[in-house]
Amino acid sequence: MSEIQTDLSRLNEKQRQAVVSECKRLLVLAGAGSGKTKTLLQKLIYLIEEKGINPSNILAITFTRNAANEMLDRLIISADTFC
């Protein structure tokens, strides 16, 4: 596992709970602009960096192409900061 600590300081309490949840399945349901994509992205980073999960073993689903593209872009940028 990585020694890098996932930065959860920019998340509110509910978002933090979703990120560190040990549930195998997690539904993030909230209104527009509430930070769902940010929360899901932080969850992915947390699983990979903190829990040592292989990225190919993670399934993340979003319901819009725009959100999916945004998540991919942010993950690429995040991966560049860890190298």
PDB file of N, CA and C in Angstrom:
ATOM      1  N   MET A   1       0.832  -1.188   0.000  1.00  0.00           N
ATOM      2  CA  MET A   1       0.000   0.000   0.000  1.00  0.00           C
ATOM      3  C   MET A   1       0.872   1.245   0.000  1.00  0.00           C
ATOM      4  N   SER A   2       0.336   2.310  -0.498  1.00  0.00           N
ATOM      5  CA  SER A   2       1.061   3.559  -0.623  1.00  0.00           C
ATOM      6  C   SER A   2       1.190   4.278   0.710  1.00  0.00           C
ATOM      7  N   GLU A   3       2.233   5.087   0.832  1.00  0.00           N
ATOM      8  CA  GLU A   3       2.389   5.908   2.027  1.00  0.00           C
ATOM      9  C   GLU A   3       1.666   7.241   1.879  1.00  0.00           C
ATOM     10  N   ILE A   4       1.164   7.526   0.697  1.00  0.00           N
ATOM     11  CA  ILE A   4       0.461   8.776   0.436  1.00  0.00           C
ATOM     12  C   ILE A   4      -0.892   8.737   1.131  1.00  0.00           C
ATOM     13  N   GLN A   5      -1.224   9.788   1.848  1.00  0.00           N
ATOM     14  CA  GLN A   5      -2.530   9.906   2.484  1.00  0.00           C
ATOM     15  C   GLN A   5      -3.463  10.648   1.528  1.00  0.00           C
ATOM     16  N   THR A   6      -4.608  10.084   1.261  1.00  0.00           N
ATOM     17  CA  THR A   6      -5.594  10.731   0.410  1.00  0.00           C
ATOM     18  C   THR A   6      -6.085  11.987   1.108  1.00  0.00           C
ATOM     19  N   ASP A   7      -6.066  13.121   0.397  1.00  0.00           N
ATOM     20  CA  ASP A   7      -6.480  14.400   0.980  1.00  0.00           C
ATOM     21  C   ASP A   7      -8.002  14.511   0.934  1.00  0.00           C
ATOM     22  N   LEU A   8      -8.614  14.392   2.104  1.00  0.00           N
ATOM     23  CA  LEU A   8     -10.070  14.486   2.203  1.00  0.00           C
ATOM     24  C   LEU A   8     -10.513  15.836   2.765  1.00  0.00           C
ATOM     25  N   SER A   9      -9.584  16.765   2.893  1.00  0.00           N
ATOM     26  CA  SER A   9      -9.881  18.046   3.544  1.00  0.00           C
ATOM     27  C   SER A   9     -10.866  18.913   2.765  1.00  0.00           C
ATOM     28  N   ARG A  10     -10.992  18.697   1.476  1.00  0.00           N
ATOM     29  CA  ARG A  10     -11.906  19.524   0.675  1.00  0.00           C
ATOM     30  C   ARG A  10     -13.311  18.933   0.582  1.00  0.00           C
ATOM     31  N   LEU A  11     -13.533  17.836   1.296  1.00  0.00           N
ATOM     32  CA  LEU A  11     -14.843  17.188   1.276  1.00  0.00           C
ATOM     33  C   LEU A  11     -15.632  17.541   2.528  1.00  0.00           C
ATOM     34  N   ASN A  12     -16.953  17.602   2.389  1.00  0.00           N
ATOM     35  CA  ASN A  12     -17.780  17.799   3.581  1.00  0.00           C
ATOM     36  C   ASN A  12     -17.943  16.456   4.294  1.00  0.00           C
ATOM     37  N   GLU A  13     -18.615  16.433   5.414  1.00  0.00           N
ATOM     38  CA  GLU A  13     -18.706  15.230   6.233  1.00  0.00           C
ATOM     39  C   GLU A  13     -19.372  14.061   5.493  1.00  0.00           C
ATOM     40  N   LYS A  14     -20.464  14.326   4.801  1.00  0.00           N
ATOM     41  CA  LYS A  14     -21.163  13.263   4.066  1.00  0.00           C
ATOM     42  C   LYS A  14     -20.282  12.699   2.951  1.00  0.00           C
ATOM     43  N   GLN A  15     -19.568  13.591   2.259  1.00  0.00           N
ATOM     44  CA  GLN A  15     -18.666  13.146   1.200  1.00  0.00           C
ATOM     45  C   GLN A  15     -17.545  12.284   1.780  1.00  0.00           C
ATOM     46  N   ARG A  16     -16.978  12.709   2.906  1.00  0.00           N
ATOM     47  CA  ARG A  16     -15.919  11.933   3.570  1.00  0.00           C
ATOM     48  C   ARG A  16     -16.430  10.552   3.970  1.00  0.00           C
ATOM     49  N   GLN A  17     -17.645  10.499   4.494  1.00  0.00           N
ATOM     50  CA  GLN A  17     -18.230   9.214   4.883  1.00  0.00           C
ATOM     51  C   GLN A  17     -18.340   8.284   3.678  1.00  0.00           C
ATOM     52  N   ALA A  18     -18.744   8.829   2.539  1.00  0.00           N
ATOM     53  CA  ALA A  18     -18.865   8.021   1.324  1.00  0.00           C
ATOM     54  C   ALA A  18     -17.495   7.511   0.868  1.00  0.00           C
ATOM     55  N   VAL A  19     -16.492   8.357   0.946  1.00  0.00           N
ATOM     56  CA  VAL A  19     -15.153   7.979   0.487  1.00  0.00           C
ATOM     57  C   VAL A  19     -14.558   6.869   1.345  1.00  0.00           C
ATOM     58  N   VAL A  20     -14.682   6.961   2.643  1.00  0.00           N
ATOM     59  CA  VAL A  20     -14.035   5.979   3.526  1.00  0.00           C
ATOM     60  C   VAL A  20     -14.943   4.800   3.886  1.00  0.00           C
ATOM     61  N   SER A  21     -16.148   4.768   3.355  1.00  0.00           N
ATOM     62  CA  SER A  21     -17.080   3.681   3.622  1.00  0.00           C
ATOM     63  C   SER A  21     -16.464   2.339   3.219  1.00  0.00           C
ATOM     64  N   GLU A  22     -16.689   1.333   4.037  1.00  0.00           N
ATOM     65  CA  GLU A  22     -16.187  -0.014   3.761  1.00  0.00           C
ATOM     66  C   GLU A  22     -17.201  -0.843   2.956  1.00  0.00           C
ATOM     67  N   CYS A  23     -18.345  -0.251   2.616  1.00  0.00           N
ATOM     68  CA  CYS A  23     -19.364  -0.965   1.840  1.00  0.00           C
ATOM     69  C   CYS A  23     -18.813  -1.334   0.462  1.00  0.00           C
ATOM     70  N   LYS A  24     -19.160  -2.510  -0.005  1.00  0.00           N
ATOM     71  CA  LYS A  24     -18.701  -2.939  -1.329  1.00  0.00           C
ATOM     72  C   LYS A  24     -19.456  -2.217  -2.441  1.00  0.00           C
ATOM     73  N   ARG A  25     -20.669  -1.813  -2.169  1.00  0.00           N
ATOM     74  CA  ARG A  25     -21.472  -1.052  -3.126  1.00  0.00           C
ATOM     75  C   ARG A  25     -21.898   0.236  -2.444  1.00  0.00           C
ATOM     76  N   LEU A  26     -21.824   1.330  -3.188  1.00  0.00           N
ATOM     77  CA  LEU A  26     -22.129   2.628  -2.595  1.00  0.00           C
ATOM     78  C   LEU A  26     -22.888   3.471  -3.605  1.00  0.00           C
ATOM     79  N   LEU A  27     -23.998   4.020  -3.187  1.00  0.00           N
ATOM     80  CA  LEU A  27     -24.779   4.915  -4.026  1.00  0.00           C
ATOM     81  C   LEU A  27     -24.586   6.329  -3.509  1.00  0.00           C
ATOM     82  N   VAL A  28     -24.149   7.222  -4.401  1.00  0.00           N
ATOM     83  CA  VAL A  28     -24.025   8.634  -4.062  1.00  0.00           C
ATOM     84  C   VAL A  28     -25.132   9.335  -4.830  1.00  0.00           C
ATOM     85  N   LEU A  29     -26.139   9.768  -4.101  1.00  0.00           N
ATOM     86  CA  LEU A  29     -27.321  10.381  -4.700  1.00  0.00           C
ATOM     87  C   LEU A  29     -27.469  11.781  -4.129  1.00  0.00           C
ATOM     88  N   ALA A  30     -27.359  12.785  -4.987  1.00  0.00           N
ATOM     89  CA  ALA A  30     -27.447  14.176  -4.534  1.00  0.00           C
ATOM     90  C   ALA A  30     -27.786  15.053  -5.732  1.00  0.00           C
ATOM     91  N   GLY A  31     -28.109  16.282  -5.462  1.00  0.00           N
ATOM     92  CA  GLY A  31     -28.505  17.220  -6.508  1.00  0.00           C
ATOM     93  C   GLY A  31     -27.352  17.702  -7.355  1.00  0.00           C
ATOM     94  N   ALA A  32     -27.710  18.421  -8.409  1.00  0.00           N
ATOM     95  CA  ALA A  32     -26.723  18.975  -9.337  1.00  0.00           C
ATOM     96  C   ALA A  32     -25.773  19.927  -8.614  1.00  0.00           C
ATOM     97  N   GLY A  33     -24.493  19.799  -8.925  1.00  0.00           N
ATOM     98  CA  GLY A  33     -23.498  20.704  -8.362  1.00  0.00           C
ATOM     99  C   GLY A  33     -23.138  20.440  -6.916  1.00  0.00           C
ATOM    100  N   SER A  34     -23.537  19.281  -6.392  1.00  0.00           N
ATOM    101  CA  SER A  34     -23.305  18.997  -4.976  1.00  0.00           C
ATOM    102  C   SER A  34     -21.979  18.293  -4.703  1.00  0.00           C
ATOM    103  N   GLY A  35     -21.261  17.909  -5.750  1.00  0.00           N
ATOM    104  CA  GLY A  35     -19.963  17.288  -5.564  1.00  0.00           C
ATOM    105  C   GLY A  35     -19.951  15.775  -5.704  1.00  0.00           C
ATOM    106  N   LYS A  36     -20.927  15.215  -6.428  1.00  0.00           N
ATOM    107  CA  LYS A  36     -20.969  13.765  -6.616  1.00  0.00           C
ATOM    108  C   LYS A  36     -19.743  13.263  -7.369  1.00  0.00           C
ATOM    109  N   THR A  37     -19.388  13.932  -8.441  1.00  0.00           N
ATOM    110  CA  THR A  37     -18.239  13.508  -9.240  1.00  0.00           C
ATOM    111  C   THR A  37     -16.961  13.623  -8.428  1.00  0.00           C
ATOM    112  N   LYS A  38     -16.811  14.702  -7.687  1.00  0.00           N
ATOM    113  CA  LYS A  38     -15.638  14.881  -6.832  1.00  0.00           C
ATOM    114  C   LYS A  38     -15.561  13.773  -5.796  1.00  0.00           C
ATOM    115  N   THR A  39     -16.690  13.422  -5.206  1.00  0.00           N
ATOM    116  CA  THR A  39     -16.734  12.368  -4.198  1.00  0.00           C
ATOM    117  C   THR A  39     -16.361  11.027  -4.807  1.00  0.00           C
ATOM    118  N   LEU A  40     -16.926  10.704  -5.949  1.00  0.00           N
ATOM    119  CA  LEU A  40     -16.623   9.442  -6.613  1.00  0.00           C
ATOM    120  C   LEU A  40     -15.151   9.368  -7.005  1.00  0.00           C
ATOM    121  N   LEU A  41     -14.620  10.451  -7.505  1.00  0.00           N
ATOM    122  CA  LEU A  41     -13.206  10.501  -7.868  1.00  0.00           C
ATOM    123  C   LEU A  41     -12.323  10.273  -6.646  1.00  0.00           C
ATOM    124  N   GLN A  42     -12.644  10.918  -5.534  1.00  0.00           N
ATOM    125  CA  GLN A  42     -11.865  10.738  -4.304  1.00  0.00           C
ATOM    126  C   GLN A  42     -11.984   9.305  -3.791  1.00  0.00           C
ATOM    127  N   LYS A  43     -13.157   8.692  -3.964  1.00  0.00           N
ATOM    128  CA  LYS A  43     -13.342   7.294  -3.574  1.00  0.00           C
ATOM    129  C   LYS A  43     -12.419   6.395  -4.398  1.00  0.00           C
ATOM    130  N   LEU A  44     -12.344   6.627  -5.688  1.00  0.00           N
ATOM    131  CA  LEU A  44     -11.466   5.835  -6.549  1.00  0.00           C
ATOM    132  C   LEU A  44     -10.012   5.986  -6.126  1.00  0.00           C
ATOM    133  N   ILE A  45      -9.583   7.215  -5.895  1.00  0.00           N
ATOM    134  CA  ILE A  45      -8.208   7.471  -5.469  1.00  0.00           C
ATOM    135  C   ILE A  45      -7.943   6.814  -4.123  1.00  0.00           C
ATOM    136  N   TYR A  46      -8.896   6.918  -3.203  1.00  0.00           N
ATOM    137  CA  TYR A  46      -8.767   6.311  -1.878  1.00  0.00           C
ATOM    138  C   TYR A  46      -8.610   4.790  -1.982  1.00  0.00           C
ATOM    139  N   LEU A  47      -9.443   4.160  -2.800  1.00  0.00           N
ATOM    140  CA  LEU A  47      -9.368   2.710  -2.958  1.00  0.00           C
ATOM    141  C   LEU A  47      -8.023   2.274  -3.532  1.00  0.00           C
ATOM    142  N   ILE A  48      -7.528   3.014  -4.493  1.00  0.00           N
ATOM    143  CA  ILE A  48      -6.269   2.664  -5.145  1.00  0.00           C
ATOM    144  C   ILE A  48      -5.078   2.979  -4.239  1.00  0.00           C
ATOM    145  N   GLU A  49      -5.029   4.187  -3.718  1.00  0.00           N
ATOM    146  CA  GLU A  49      -3.867   4.634  -2.954  1.00  0.00           C
ATOM    147  C   GLU A  49      -3.837   4.124  -1.513  1.00  0.00           C
ATOM    148  N   GLU A  50      -4.975   4.123  -0.843  1.00  0.00           N
ATOM    149  CA  GLU A  50      -5.007   3.755   0.574  1.00  0.00           C
ATOM    150  C   GLU A  50      -5.279   2.269   0.802  1.00  0.00           C
ATOM    151  N   LYS A  51      -6.147   1.698  -0.010  1.00  0.00           N
ATOM    152  CA  LYS A  51      -6.543   0.306   0.193  1.00  0.00           C
ATOM    153  C   LYS A  51      -5.791  -0.663  -0.709  1.00  0.00           C
ATOM    154  N   GLY A  52      -5.004  -0.132  -1.649  1.00  0.00           N
ATOM    155  CA  GLY A  52      -4.202  -0.985  -2.521  1.00  0.00           C
ATOM    156  C   GLY A  52      -5.006  -1.816  -3.506  1.00  0.00           C
ATOM    157  N   ILE A  53      -6.199  -1.342  -3.855  1.00  0.00           N
ATOM    158  CA  ILE A  53      -7.057  -2.061  -4.800  1.00  0.00           C
ATOM    159  C   ILE A  53      -6.527  -1.852  -6.218  1.00  0.00           C
ATOM    160  N   ASN A  54      -6.475  -2.918  -6.978  1.00  0.00           N
ATOM    161  CA  ASN A  54      -6.064  -2.828  -8.374  1.00  0.00           C
ATOM    162  C   ASN A  54      -7.157  -2.083  -9.144  1.00  0.00           C
ATOM    163  N   PRO A  55      -6.801  -1.028  -9.896  1.00  0.00           N
ATOM    164  CA  PRO A  55      -7.813  -0.255 -10.622  1.00  0.00           C
ATOM    165  C   PRO A  55      -8.684  -1.097 -11.556  1.00  0.00           C
ATOM    166  N   SER A  56      -8.153  -2.194 -12.078  1.00  0.00           N
ATOM    167  CA  SER A  56      -8.949  -3.031 -12.979  1.00  0.00           C
ATOM    168  C   SER A  56     -10.028  -3.820 -12.233  1.00  0.00           C
ATOM    169  N   ASN A  57      -9.995  -3.778 -10.905  1.00  0.00           N
ATOM    170  CA  ASN A  57     -11.016  -4.450 -10.094  1.00  0.00           C
ATOM    171  C   ASN A  57     -12.091  -3.492  -9.596  1.00  0.00           C
ATOM    172  N   ILE A  58     -12.097  -2.273 -10.095  1.00  0.00           N
ATOM    173  CA  ILE A  58     -13.058  -1.264  -9.651  1.00  0.00           C
ATOM    174  C   ILE A  58     -14.025  -0.958 -10.790  1.00  0.00           C
ATOM    175  N   LEU A  59     -15.301  -0.946 -10.471  1.00  0.00           N
ATOM    176  CA  LEU A  59     -16.330  -0.543 -11.422  1.00  0.00           C
ATOM    177  C   LEU A  59     -16.979   0.722 -10.877  1.00  0.00           C
ATOM    178  N   ALA A  60     -16.864   1.813 -11.619  1.00  0.00           N
ATOM    179  CA  ALA A  60     -17.497   3.074 -11.237  1.00  0.00           C
ATOM    180  C   ALA A  60     -18.487   3.438 -12.333  1.00  0.00           C
ATOM    181  N   ILE A  61     -19.705   3.736 -11.934  1.00  0.00           N
ATOM    182  CA  ILE A  61     -20.753   4.035 -12.910  1.00  0.00           C
ATOM    183  C   ILE A  61     -21.301   5.427 -12.645  1.00  0.00           C
ATOM    184  N   THR A  62     -21.448   6.171 -13.706  1.00  0.00           N
ATOM    185  CA  THR A  62     -22.120   7.461 -13.637  1.00  0.00           C
ATOM    186  C   THR A  62     -23.129   7.495 -14.777  1.00  0.00           C
ATOM    187  N   PHE A  63     -24.109   8.350 -14.670  1.00  0.00           N
ATOM    188  CA  PHE A  63     -25.210   8.289 -15.618  1.00  0.00           C
ATOM    189  C   PHE A  63     -25.141   9.292 -16.750  1.00  0.00           C
ATOM    190  N   THR A  64     -24.069  10.056 -16.815  1.00  0.00           N
ATOM    191  CA  THR A  64     -23.935  10.964 -17.951  1.00  0.00           C
ATOM    192  C   THR A  64     -22.555  10.814 -18.561  1.00  0.00           C
ATOM    193  N   ARG A  65     -22.487  10.969 -19.846  1.00  0.00           N
ATOM    194  CA  ARG A  65     -21.213  10.897 -20.551  1.00  0.00           C
ATOM    195  C   ARG A  65     -20.304  12.031 -20.094  1.00  0.00           C
ATOM    196  N   ASN A  66     -20.884  13.200 -19.850  1.00  0.00           N
ATOM    197  CA  ASN A  66     -20.106  14.344 -19.399  1.00  0.00           C
ATOM    198  C   ASN A  66     -19.411  14.050 -18.069  1.00  0.00           C
ATOM    199  N   ALA A  67     -20.128  13.475 -17.121  1.00  0.00           N
ATOM    200  CA  ALA A  67     -19.532  13.141 -15.829  1.00  0.00           C
ATOM    201  C   ALA A  67     -18.453  12.077 -15.988  1.00  0.00           C
ATOM    202  N   ALA A  68     -18.696  11.089 -16.840  1.00  0.00           N
ATOM    203  CA  ALA A  68     -17.697  10.035 -17.068  1.00  0.00           C
ATOM    204  C   ALA A  68     -16.428  10.627 -17.662  1.00  0.00           C
ATOM    205  N   ASN A  69     -16.565  11.501 -18.649  1.00  0.00           N
ATOM    206  CA  ASN A  69     -15.393  12.138 -19.257  1.00  0.00           C
ATOM    207  C   ASN A  69     -14.649  13.009 -18.252  1.00  0.00           C
ATOM    208  N   GLU A  70     -15.395  13.730 -17.427  1.00  0.00           N
ATOM    209  CA  GLU A  70     -14.789  14.570 -16.404  1.00  0.00           C
ATOM    210  C   GLU A  70     -14.013  13.714 -15.401  1.00  0.00           C
ATOM    211  N   MET A  71     -14.582  12.584 -15.017  1.00  0.00           N
ATOM    212  CA  MET A  71     -13.891  11.689 -14.084  1.00  0.00           C
ATOM    213  C   MET A  71     -12.596  11.165 -14.691  1.00  0.00           C
ATOM    214  N   LEU A  72     -12.640  10.759 -15.947  1.00  0.00           N
ATOM    215  CA  LEU A  72     -11.424  10.273 -16.599  1.00  0.00           C
ATOM    216  C   LEU A  72     -10.356  11.355 -16.650  1.00  0.00           C
ATOM    217  N   ASP A  73     -10.753  12.565 -17.033  1.00  0.00           N
ATOM    218  CA  ASP A  73      -9.805  13.681 -17.084  1.00  0.00           C
ATOM    219  C   ASP A  73      -9.181  13.929 -15.717  1.00  0.00           C
ATOM    220  N   ARG A  74     -10.008  13.948 -14.671  1.00  0.00           N
ATOM    221  CA  ARG A  74      -9.498  14.208 -13.319  1.00  0.00           C
ATOM    222  C   ARG A  74      -8.600  13.078 -12.822  1.00  0.00           C
ATOM    223  N   LEU A  75      -8.946  11.837 -13.159  1.00  0.00           N
ATOM    224  CA  LEU A  75      -8.108  10.710 -12.752  1.00  0.00           C
ATOM    225  C   LEU A  75      -6.743  10.783 -13.431  1.00  0.00           C
ATOM    226  N   ILE A  76      -6.709  11.155 -14.685  1.00  0.00           N
ATOM    227  CA  ILE A  76      -5.438  11.298 -15.394  1.00  0.00           C
ATOM    228  C   ILE A  76      -4.597  12.383 -14.741  1.00  0.00           C
ATOM    229  N   ILE A  77      -5.213  13.518 -14.418  1.00  0.00           N
ATOM    230  CA  ILE A  77      -4.494  14.604 -13.767  1.00  0.00           C
ATOM    231  C   ILE A  77      -3.997  14.159 -12.388  1.00  0.00           C
ATOM    232  N   SER A  78      -4.843  13.455 -11.637  1.00  0.00           N
ATOM    233  CA  SER A  78      -4.452  12.974 -10.308  1.00  0.00           C
ATOM    234  C   SER A  78      -3.305  11.984 -10.417  1.00  0.00           C
ATOM    235  N   ALA A  79      -3.360  11.097 -11.395  1.00  0.00           N
ATOM    236  CA  ALA A  79      -2.291  10.103 -11.569  1.00  0.00           C
ATOM    237  C   ALA A  79      -0.973  10.788 -11.881  1.00  0.00           C
ATOM    238  N   ASP A  80      -1.017  11.876 -12.632  1.00  0.00           N
ATOM    239  CA  ASP A  80       0.205  12.612 -12.967  1.00  0.00           C
ATOM    240  C   ASP A  80       0.848  13.225 -11.720  1.00  0.00           C
ATOM    241  N   THR A  81       0.042  13.596 -10.716  1.00  0.00           N
ATOM    242  CA  THR A  81       0.612  14.211  -9.507  1.00  0.00           C
ATOM    243  C   THR A  81       1.281  13.183  -8.605  1.00  0.00           C
ATOM    244  N   PHE A  82       0.933  11.893  -8.760  1.00  0.00           N
ATOM    245  CA  PHE A  82       1.535  10.859  -7.920  1.00  0.00           C
ATOM    246  C   PHE A  82       2.826  10.311  -8.516  1.00  0.00           C
ATOM    247  N   CYS A  83       3.100  10.608  -9.776  1.00  0.00           N
ATOM    248  CA  CYS A  83       4.316  10.089 -10.412  1.00  0.00           C
ATOM    249  C   CYS A  83       5.547  10.906 -10.079  1.00  0.00           C
TER     250      CYS A  83
END
